[in-house]
Amino acid sequence: MPKSKYPKISRNNLYLLLLLLFPFVLLCYQTFNKNYYPLDLHTLEFLGNLRNFWLDFIFTNVYRISNTYVTGTIVLIALITLIRQRYWSEVKALVFATLGILILVDKVLKPFFDRDRPPKPRLVSDLSPDSFPSGHAAGNLVFYFYISFIIAARYPHLAKYVYGVATCLVLLIGFSSVYVKAHWTTDIWGGYFFGYCWLLISLNLLKFLNHRQIKPE
C-alpha cells in the first residue's frame, strides 16, 4: 500500500505557532489575575435575551453530542480505521494530539487557572468546576482539523469542503458551549488558540513520523 506523503515541516508553522501563542498568553495573564473581559458578561447577557425553546433544544444537544464521551468514541473509530489501513504515523500522531490536549487542558491548565464557570442556572449539568481554557473547544478543534488534514492530503479536490465543514462544526460547538453557559466566551477563544497551537505541533509530528517512515528508493 502506498504511504501517504505530506508537505515537509515548514518554518512558517513556527511563525504561526508563535503568532497564536501571543493572544493565548494574553488571555492567560488576564485570567490568572482575575481581570476578566467585559465581553464575557455582555455575551452572556445578549444570549440570555435571545433564548427560546428551539434554540435551547438545538444548542443543548449540539453541546451534548460533542462532549468528551461522544468525541472520544469518534476518535476511537478514527483510530480503528487508520489501524486497519496500517497508517501507523497517523495513528501515533492522532494519539499524541487527542490524548495530549486532554491531559494538558483538563489536568494542567484548568486547575492552574481555577476559573469558575458562568453562574447558574445552566442548560447542562455535571460539569467540572474549572472553566479556562475550554477543553470542549480545544479538543474538538484538534481532532476535526487533524482528520481534515489527512483527508485533504489524500483528496486535494475536497480540501476546501472538508476544512469548511470542520470550521463550521468547531465554531458551532464553541458557540453552543457559551449558549448553554458551560463556558465564558474567552474560555472558548483560549481553547481555540491553545488547541490550534497543539494542532500545529501534532501535524509537525505527523510529518516527521511520515517522512522518517518513507524509505528512499
C-alpha atoms as a PDB file:
ATOM      1  CA  MET A   1       0.000   0.000   0.000  1.00  0.00           C
ATOM      2  CA  PRO A   2       1.483   3.386  -0.928  1.00  0.00           C
ATOM      3  CA  LYS A   3       2.277   5.524   2.046  1.00  0.00           C
ATOM      4  CA  SER A   4       0.790   8.944   2.395  1.00  0.00           C
ATOM      5  CA  LYS A   5       3.029  11.933   1.833  1.00  0.00           C
ATOM      6  CA  TYR A   6       2.666  15.307   3.490  1.00  0.00           C
ATOM      7  CA  PRO A   7       4.471  18.596   2.919  1.00  0.00           C
ATOM      8  CA  LYS A   8       7.769  18.912   4.727  1.00  0.00           C
ATOM      9  CA  ILE A   9       7.889  20.757   8.021  1.00  0.00           C
ATOM     10  CA  SER A  10       7.908  24.461   7.230  1.00  0.00           C
ATOM     11  CA  ARG A  11       9.403  27.322   9.196  1.00  0.00           C
ATOM     12  CA  ASN A  12       6.113  29.143   8.613  1.00  0.00           C
ATOM     13  CA  ASN A  13       4.494  26.715  11.060  1.00  0.00           C
ATOM     14  CA  LEU A  14       6.817  28.001  13.774  1.00  0.00           C
ATOM     15  CA  TYR A  15       5.915  31.601  12.974  1.00  0.00           C
ATOM     16  CA  LEU A  16       2.195  30.778  13.060  1.00  0.00           C
ATOM     17  CA  LEU A  17       2.640  28.959  16.364  1.00  0.00           C
ATOM     18  CA  LEU A  18       4.351  31.979  17.914  1.00  0.00           C
ATOM     19  CA  LEU A  19       1.676  34.286  16.472  1.00  0.00           C
ATOM     20  CA  LEU A  20      -1.120  32.241  18.069  1.00  0.00           C
ATOM     21  CA  LEU A  21       0.685  31.961  21.379  1.00  0.00           C
ATOM     22  CA  PHE A  22       0.586  35.738  21.868  1.00  0.00           C
ATOM     23  CA  PRO A  23      -3.214  36.121  22.277  1.00  0.00           C
ATOM     24  CA  PHE A  24      -3.332  32.895  24.300  1.00  0.00           C
ATOM     25  CA  VAL A  25      -0.684  34.173  26.719  1.00  0.00           C
ATOM     26  CA  LEU A  26      -2.579  37.479  26.970  1.00  0.00           C
ATOM     27  CA  LEU A  27      -5.789  35.633  27.854  1.00  0.00           C
ATOM     28  CA  CYS A  28      -3.860  33.538  30.378  1.00  0.00           C
ATOM     29  CA  TYR A  29      -2.423  36.657  32.008  1.00  0.00           C
ATOM     30  CA  GLN A  30      -5.822  38.304  32.295  1.00  0.00           C
ATOM     31  CA  THR A  31      -7.440  35.139  33.628  1.00  0.00           C
ATOM     32  CA  PHE A  32      -4.694  34.453  36.150  1.00  0.00           C
ATOM     33  CA  ASN A  33      -5.055  37.989  37.528  1.00  0.00           C
ATOM     34  CA  LYS A  34      -8.871  37.723  37.570  1.00  0.00           C
ATOM     35  CA  ASN A  35      -9.112  40.649  35.142  1.00  0.00           C
ATOM     36  CA  TYR A  36     -11.940  39.279  33.052  1.00  0.00           C
ATOM     37  CA  TYR A  37     -13.099  40.839  29.824  1.00  0.00           C
ATOM     38  CA  PRO A  38     -16.422  42.758  29.691  1.00  0.00           C
ATOM     39  CA  LEU A  39     -17.112  40.754  26.513  1.00  0.00           C
ATOM     40  CA  ASP A  40     -17.895  37.734  28.684  1.00  0.00           C
ATOM     41  CA  LEU A  41     -20.692  39.431  30.607  1.00  0.00           C
ATOM     42  CA  HIS A  42     -22.087  41.224  27.556  1.00  0.00           C
ATOM     43  CA  THR A  43     -22.220  37.992  25.549  1.00  0.00           C
ATOM     44  CA  LEU A  44     -23.887  36.151  28.405  1.00  0.00           C
ATOM     45  CA  GLU A  45     -26.499  38.876  28.733  1.00  0.00           C
ATOM     46  CA  PHE A  46     -27.120  39.013  24.977  1.00  0.00           C
ATOM     47  CA  LEU A  47     -27.593  35.265  24.669  1.00  0.00           C
ATOM     48  CA  GLY A  48     -29.833  35.257  27.722  1.00  0.00           C
ATOM     49  CA  ASN A  49     -32.182  37.693  25.977  1.00  0.00           C
ATOM     50  CA  LEU A  50     -32.025  35.615  22.804  1.00  0.00           C
ATOM     51  CA  ARG A  51     -33.056  32.332  24.403  1.00  0.00           C
ATOM     52  CA  ASN A  52     -36.162  30.421  23.362  1.00  0.00           C
ATOM     53  CA  PHE A  53     -37.318  26.807  23.361  1.00  0.00           C
ATOM     54  CA  TRP A  54     -35.934  25.852  19.952  1.00  0.00           C
ATOM     55  CA  LEU A  55     -32.541  27.495  20.413  1.00  0.00           C
ATOM     56  CA  ASP A  56     -32.250  25.857  23.827  1.00  0.00           C
ATOM     57  CA  PHE A  57     -33.066  22.472  22.293  1.00  0.00           C
ATOM     58  CA  ILE A  58     -30.641  22.839  19.376  1.00  0.00           C
ATOM     59  CA  PHE A  59     -27.602  24.134  21.230  1.00  0.00           C
ATOM     60  CA  THR A  60     -28.049  21.924  24.269  1.00  0.00           C
ATOM     61  CA  ASN A  61     -27.974  18.875  22.014  1.00  0.00           C
ATOM     62  CA  VAL A  62     -25.045  20.218  19.984  1.00  0.00           C
ATOM     63  CA  TYR A  63     -23.130  20.584  23.240  1.00  0.00           C
ATOM     64  CA  ARG A  64     -24.086  17.106  24.444  1.00  0.00           C
ATOM     65  CA  ILE A  65     -23.188  15.285  21.225  1.00  0.00           C
ATOM     66  CA  SER A  66     -19.801  16.998  21.161  1.00  0.00           C
ATOM     67  CA  ASN A  67     -18.872  16.090  24.739  1.00  0.00           C
ATOM     68  CA  THR A  68     -15.852  14.046  25.766  1.00  0.00           C
ATOM     69  CA  TYR A  69     -17.618  10.685  25.588  1.00  0.00           C
ATOM     70  CA  VAL A  70     -19.106  11.149  22.118  1.00  0.00           C
ATOM     71  CA  THR A  71     -15.982  12.748  20.675  1.00  0.00           C
ATOM     72  CA  GLY A  72     -13.896  10.036  22.337  1.00  0.00           C
ATOM     73  CA  THR A  73     -16.000   7.400  20.572  1.00  0.00           C
ATOM     74  CA  ILE A  74     -15.459   9.130  17.220  1.00  0.00           C
ATOM     75  CA  VAL A  75     -11.716   9.316  17.923  1.00  0.00           C
ATOM     76  CA  LEU A  76     -11.713   5.577  18.663  1.00  0.00           C
ATOM     77  CA  ILE A  77     -13.493   4.855  15.370  1.00  0.00           C
ATOM     78  CA  ALA A  78     -10.932   7.009  13.537  1.00  0.00           C
ATOM     79  CA  LEU A  79      -8.075   5.158  15.220  1.00  0.00           C
ATOM     80  CA  ILE A  80      -9.522   1.753  14.323  1.00  0.00           C
ATOM     81  CA  THR A  81      -9.965   2.887  10.704  1.00  0.00           C
ATOM     82  CA  LEU A  82      -6.366   4.116  10.492  1.00  0.00           C
ATOM     83  CA  ILE A  83      -5.021   0.960  12.141  1.00  0.00           C
ATOM     84  CA  ARG A  84      -6.917  -1.272   9.702  1.00  0.00           C
ATOM     85  CA  GLN A  85      -5.328   0.648   6.834  1.00  0.00           C
ATOM     86  CA  ARG A  86      -1.916   0.447   8.534  1.00  0.00           C
ATOM     87  CA  TYR A  87      -1.419   4.186   8.678  1.00  0.00           C
ATOM     88  CA  TRP A  88       0.894   3.964  11.671  1.00  0.00           C
ATOM     89  CA  SER A  89       2.267   7.513  11.530  1.00  0.00           C
ATOM     90  CA  GLU A  90      -1.277   8.901  11.521  1.00  0.00           C
ATOM     91  CA  VAL A  91      -2.247   6.657  14.450  1.00  0.00           C
ATOM     92  CA  LYS A  92       0.702   7.718  16.603  1.00  0.00           C
ATOM     93  CA  ALA A  93       0.213  11.414  15.884  1.00  0.00           C
ATOM     94  CA  LEU A  94      -3.547  11.194  16.496  1.00  0.00           C
ATOM     95  CA  VAL A  95      -2.996   9.586  19.912  1.00  0.00           C
ATOM     96  CA  PHE A  96      -0.442  12.284  20.714  1.00  0.00           C
ATOM     97  CA  ALA A  97      -2.818  15.037  19.556  1.00  0.00           C
ATOM     98  CA  THR A  98      -6.011  13.923  21.300  1.00  0.00           C
ATOM     99  CA  LEU A  99      -4.590  12.450  24.491  1.00  0.00           C
ATOM    100  CA  GLY A 100      -2.128  15.310  24.827  1.00  0.00           C
ATOM    101  CA  ILE A 101      -4.751  18.053  24.555  1.00  0.00           C
ATOM    102  CA  LEU A 102      -6.986  16.247  27.058  1.00  0.00           C
ATOM    103  CA  ILE A 103      -4.229  15.947  29.657  1.00  0.00           C
ATOM    104  CA  LEU A 104      -2.848  19.453  29.174  1.00  0.00           C
ATOM    105  CA  VAL A 105      -6.216  21.218  29.375  1.00  0.00           C
ATOM    106  CA  ASP A 106      -8.061  19.156  31.986  1.00  0.00           C
ATOM    107  CA  LYS A 107      -5.173  18.151  34.232  1.00  0.00           C
ATOM    108  CA  VAL A 108      -2.800  21.114  33.924  1.00  0.00           C
ATOM    109  CA  LEU A 109      -4.282  24.363  32.617  1.00  0.00           C
ATOM    110  CA  LYS A 110      -7.781  24.296  34.110  1.00  0.00           C
ATOM    111  CA  PRO A 111      -6.644  23.514  37.682  1.00  0.00           C
ATOM    112  CA  PHE A 112      -3.877  26.102  37.379  1.00  0.00           C
ATOM    113  CA  PHE A 113      -6.146  28.980  36.340  1.00  0.00           C
ATOM    114  CA  ASP A 114      -9.048  27.798  38.514  1.00  0.00           C
ATOM    115  CA  ARG A 115     -11.637  29.987  36.828  1.00  0.00           C
ATOM    116  CA  ASP A 116     -15.266  29.456  37.797  1.00  0.00           C
ATOM    117  CA  ARG A 117     -17.814  28.650  35.127  1.00  0.00           C
ATOM    118  CA  PRO A 118     -20.660  31.077  34.305  1.00  0.00           C
ATOM    119  CA  PRO A 119     -23.284  31.322  37.062  1.00  0.00           C
ATOM    120  CA  LYS A 120     -26.267  29.008  37.238  1.00  0.00           C
ATOM    121  CA  PRO A 121     -28.876  28.255  36.042  1.00  0.00           C
ATOM    122  CA  ARG A 122     -27.294  26.423  33.107  1.00  0.00           C
ATOM    123  CA  LEU A 123     -28.780  24.268  30.380  1.00  0.00           C
ATOM    124  CA  VAL A 124     -26.345  21.435  31.155  1.00  0.00           C
ATOM    125  CA  SER A 125     -25.132  19.850  34.366  1.00  0.00           C
ATOM    126  CA  ASP A 126     -22.395  17.533  35.651  1.00  0.00           C
ATOM    127  CA  LEU A 127     -19.617  19.945  34.714  1.00  0.00           C
ATOM    128  CA  SER A 128     -16.217  20.196  36.326  1.00  0.00           C
ATOM    129  CA  PRO A 129     -15.761  23.407  38.333  1.00  0.00           C
ATOM    130  CA  ASP A 130     -12.917  24.847  36.231  1.00  0.00           C
ATOM    131  CA  SER A 131     -13.589  26.769  33.055  1.00  0.00           C
ATOM    132  CA  PHE A 132     -10.461  28.159  31.347  1.00  0.00           C
ATOM    133  CA  PRO A 133      -9.436  27.226  28.720  1.00  0.00           C
ATOM    134  CA  SER A 134     -12.268  25.273  27.148  1.00  0.00           C
ATOM    135  CA  GLY A 135     -11.319  21.648  26.605  1.00  0.00           C
ATOM    136  CA  HIS A 136     -14.525  21.304  24.611  1.00  0.00           C
ATOM    137  CA  ALA A 137     -13.293  23.862  22.078  1.00  0.00           C
ATOM    138  CA  ALA A 138      -9.646  22.790  22.096  1.00  0.00           C
ATOM    139  CA  GLY A 139     -10.240  19.048  21.847  1.00  0.00           C
ATOM    140  CA  ASN A 140     -12.786  19.216  19.054  1.00  0.00           C
ATOM    141  CA  LEU A 141     -10.660  21.680  17.076  1.00  0.00           C
ATOM    142  CA  VAL A 142      -7.597  19.439  17.320  1.00  0.00           C
ATOM    143  CA  PHE A 143      -9.445  16.283  16.322  1.00  0.00           C
ATOM    144  CA  TYR A 144     -11.583  17.582  13.463  1.00  0.00           C
ATOM    145  CA  PHE A 145      -8.812  19.619  11.858  1.00  0.00           C
ATOM    146  CA  TYR A 146      -6.354  16.740  12.240  1.00  0.00           C
ATOM    147  CA  ILE A 147      -8.751  14.417  10.410  1.00  0.00           C
ATOM    148  CA  SER A 148      -9.419  17.145   7.835  1.00  0.00           C
ATOM    149  CA  PHE A 149      -5.678  17.454   7.190  1.00  0.00           C
ATOM    150  CA  ILE A 150      -5.386  13.722   6.500  1.00  0.00           C
ATOM    151  CA  ILE A 151      -8.435  13.663   4.213  1.00  0.00           C
ATOM    152  CA  ALA A 152      -7.349  16.800   2.348  1.00  0.00           C
ATOM    153  CA  ALA A 153      -3.877  15.335   1.779  1.00  0.00           C
ATOM    154  CA  ARG A 154      -5.410  12.297   0.069  1.00  0.00           C
ATOM    155  CA  TYR A 155      -8.180  14.106  -1.771  1.00  0.00           C
ATOM    156  CA  PRO A 156      -6.917  17.642  -2.508  1.00  0.00           C
ATOM    157  CA  HIS A 157     -10.006  18.476  -4.586  1.00  0.00           C
ATOM    158  CA  LEU A 158     -12.108  18.092  -1.416  1.00  0.00           C
ATOM    159  CA  ALA A 159      -9.825  20.178   0.796  1.00  0.00           C
ATOM    160  CA  LYS A 160     -11.894  23.379   0.877  1.00  0.00           C
ATOM    161  CA  TYR A 161     -15.083  21.450   1.603  1.00  0.00           C
ATOM    162  CA  VAL A 162     -13.518  19.332   4.327  1.00  0.00           C
ATOM    163  CA  TYR A 163     -11.926  22.305   6.065  1.00  0.00           C
ATOM    164  CA  GLY A 164     -15.141  24.307   5.614  1.00  0.00           C
ATOM    165  CA  VAL A 165     -17.213  21.639   7.356  1.00  0.00           C
ATOM    166  CA  ALA A 166     -14.631  21.300  10.141  1.00  0.00           C
ATOM    167  CA  THR A 167     -14.562  25.065  10.682  1.00  0.00           C
ATOM    168  CA  CYS A 168     -18.356  25.339  10.865  1.00  0.00           C
ATOM    169  CA  LEU A 169     -18.527  22.383  13.233  1.00  0.00           C
ATOM    170  CA  VAL A 170     -15.871  23.726  15.590  1.00  0.00           C
ATOM    171  CA  LEU A 171     -17.449  27.210  15.645  1.00  0.00           C
ATOM    172  CA  LEU A 172     -20.883  25.697  16.301  1.00  0.00           C
ATOM    173  CA  ILE A 173     -19.520  23.656  19.193  1.00  0.00           C
ATOM    174  CA  GLY A 174     -17.843  26.739  20.658  1.00  0.00           C
ATOM    175  CA  PHE A 175     -21.000  28.834  20.358  1.00  0.00           C
ATOM    176  CA  SER A 176     -23.121  26.106  21.938  1.00  0.00           C
ATOM    177  CA  SER A 177     -20.728  25.962  24.917  1.00  0.00           C
ATOM    178  CA  VAL A 178     -21.297  29.663  25.580  1.00  0.00           C
ATOM    179  CA  TYR A 179     -25.042  29.460  24.905  1.00  0.00           C
ATOM    180  CA  VAL A 180     -25.647  26.711  27.482  1.00  0.00           C
ATOM    181  CA  LYS A 181     -23.445  28.649  29.960  1.00  0.00           C
ATOM    182  CA  ALA A 182     -20.848  25.926  30.219  1.00  0.00           C
ATOM    183  CA  HIS A 183     -18.109  28.419  29.283  1.00  0.00           C
ATOM    184  CA  TRP A 184     -17.333  32.102  29.051  1.00  0.00           C
ATOM    185  CA  THR A 185     -16.543  33.480  25.608  1.00  0.00           C
ATOM    186  CA  THR A 186     -12.870  33.948  26.486  1.00  0.00           C
ATOM    187  CA  ASP A 187     -12.714  30.300  27.609  1.00  0.00           C
ATOM    188  CA  ILE A 188     -13.651  29.340  24.059  1.00  0.00           C
ATOM    189  CA  TRP A 189     -11.124  31.669  22.449  1.00  0.00           C
ATOM    190  CA  GLY A 190      -8.466  30.388  24.830  1.00  0.00           C
ATOM    191  CA  GLY A 191      -9.387  26.844  23.822  1.00  0.00           C
ATOM    192  CA  TYR A 192      -9.198  27.733  20.138  1.00  0.00           C
ATOM    193  CA  PHE A 193      -5.806  29.426  20.422  1.00  0.00           C
ATOM    194  CA  PHE A 194      -4.238  26.696  22.528  1.00  0.00           C
ATOM    195  CA  GLY A 195      -5.908  23.947  20.513  1.00  0.00           C
ATOM    196  CA  TYR A 196      -4.578  25.310  17.226  1.00  0.00           C
ATOM    197  CA  CYS A 197      -1.079  25.579  18.684  1.00  0.00           C
ATOM    198  CA  TRP A 198      -1.274  21.947  19.780  1.00  0.00           C
ATOM    199  CA  LEU A 199      -2.673  21.002  16.372  1.00  0.00           C
ATOM    200  CA  LEU A 200       0.360  22.549  14.644  1.00  0.00           C
ATOM    201  CA  ILE A 201       2.693  20.607  16.939  1.00  0.00           C
ATOM    202  CA  SER A 202       0.777  17.388  16.273  1.00  0.00           C
ATOM    203  CA  LEU A 203       0.775  17.874  12.488  1.00  0.00           C
ATOM    204  CA  ASN A 204       4.504  18.532  12.518  1.00  0.00           C
ATOM    205  CA  LEU A 205       4.949  15.327  14.496  1.00  0.00           C
ATOM    206  CA  LEU A 206       2.866  13.532  11.849  1.00  0.00           C
ATOM    207  CA  LYS A 207       5.055  14.939   9.064  1.00  0.00           C
ATOM    208  CA  PHE A 208       8.206  13.934  10.930  1.00  0.00           C
ATOM    209  CA  LEU A 209       6.974  10.378  11.526  1.00  0.00           C
ATOM    210  CA  ASN A 210       5.746  10.042   7.958  1.00  0.00           C
ATOM    211  CA  HIS A 211       8.970  11.222   6.320  1.00  0.00           C
ATOM    212  CA  ARG A 212      11.026   9.001   8.626  1.00  0.00           C
ATOM    213  CA  GLN A 213       8.834   6.045   7.693  1.00  0.00           C
ATOM    214  CA  ILE A 214       9.257   6.518   3.936  1.00  0.00           C
ATOM    215  CA  LYS A 215      12.428   4.766   2.805  1.00  0.00           C
ATOM    216  CA  PRO A 216      14.425   6.280  -0.061  1.00  0.00           C
ATOM    217  CA  GLU A 217      14.070   4.329  -3.298  1.00  0.00           C
END
